[in-house]
Amino acid sequence: KETLYSCLLVNKRWCLLVVPILWEKHTRYIYHEAEKKFHNIILSSLSSSSKQFLGDSNNIKLPSTIISKP
């Protein structure tokens, strides 16, 4: 990633090639973060027994903030 940033400064042509690559990676990060938040909302709405079942039988690690909510 640092190498791509340095390519921005070489010349206009390199800049035009690198900017779309950097934006693509940026949008992947944004979608990943939004997806994590969505999953946390869904998981937090489950009953305690469902959360326990997911943790025990499927070896899914739930964030502590989701487990500890009443």
Protein backbone atom coordinates (compact mmCIF):
# COMPACT_ATOMS: atom_id res chain seq x y z
CA LYS A 1 0.00 0.00 0.00
CA GLU A 2 2.80 2.44 0.85
CA THR A 3 4.39 1.67 -2.50
CA LEU A 4 1.17 2.54 -4.29
CA TYR A 5 1.01 5.86 -2.49
CA SER A 6 4.53 6.71 -3.59
CA CYS A 7 3.56 5.88 -7.20
CA LEU A 8 1.02 8.71 -7.07
CA LEU A 9 3.88 11.19 -7.05
CA VAL A 10 5.88 9.84 -10.00
CA ASN A 11 3.93 11.54 -12.79
CA LYS A 12 0.40 12.09 -14.06
CA ARG A 13 0.19 8.79 -15.95
CA TRP A 14 1.24 6.75 -12.93
CA CYS A 15 -1.17 8.71 -10.79
CA LEU A 16 -4.04 7.92 -13.16
CA LEU A 17 -3.17 4.22 -12.98
CA VAL A 18 -2.82 4.04 -9.22
CA VAL A 19 -5.82 6.06 -8.04
CA PRO A 20 -8.45 3.49 -9.16
CA ILE A 21 -6.52 0.72 -7.41
CA LEU A 22 -6.40 2.65 -4.16
CA TRP A 23 -10.10 3.50 -4.36
CA GLU A 24 -11.01 -0.13 -5.00
CA LYS A 25 -9.20 -1.23 -1.86
CA HIS A 26 -10.81 1.61 0.08
CA THR A 27 -14.33 0.57 -0.90
CA ARG A 28 -13.60 -3.05 0.02
CA TYR A 29 -12.69 -1.86 3.52
CA ILE A 30 -15.88 0.21 3.79
CA TYR A 31 -18.10 -2.71 2.73
CA HIS A 32 -16.29 -5.05 5.11
CA GLU A 33 -16.82 -2.69 8.05
CA ALA A 34 -20.51 -2.21 7.19
CA GLU A 35 -20.94 -5.96 6.92
CA LYS A 36 -19.37 -6.50 10.35
CA LYS A 37 -21.71 -3.93 11.91
CA PHE A 38 -24.73 -5.55 10.27
CA HIS A 39 -23.74 -9.00 11.56
CA ASN A 40 -23.24 -7.60 15.06
CA ILE A 41 -26.75 -6.10 14.98
CA ILE A 42 -28.26 -9.42 13.88
CA LEU A 43 -26.30 -11.39 16.49
CA SER A 44 -27.18 -8.97 19.28
CA SER A 45 -30.90 -9.52 18.62
CA LEU A 46 -30.66 -13.28 19.20
CA SER A 47 -31.82 -14.86 22.42
CA SER A 48 -29.25 -15.90 25.00
CA SER A 49 -29.83 -19.57 24.24
CA SER A 50 -29.26 -19.00 20.51
CA LYS A 51 -26.03 -17.15 21.23
CA GLN A 52 -24.94 -19.98 23.51
CA PHE A 53 -25.80 -22.53 20.83
CA LEU A 54 -23.74 -20.68 18.20
CA GLY A 55 -20.79 -20.45 20.53
CA ASP A 56 -20.92 -24.06 21.70
CA SER A 57 -21.87 -26.11 18.67
CA ASN A 58 -20.46 -24.06 15.80
CA ASN A 59 -17.33 -22.75 17.45
CA ILE A 60 -18.31 -19.17 16.57
CA LYS A 61 -16.61 -16.52 18.66
CA LEU A 62 -19.10 -13.79 19.46
CA PRO A 63 -17.82 -10.36 20.50
CA SER A 64 -18.08 -9.86 24.27
CA THR A 65 -20.36 -6.84 23.79
CA ILE A 66 -22.90 -9.10 22.09
CA ILE A 67 -22.69 -11.85 24.70
CA SER A 68 -22.98 -9.62 27.76
CA LYS A 69 -26.10 -7.68 26.73
CA PRO A 70 -29.22 -8.70 28.67
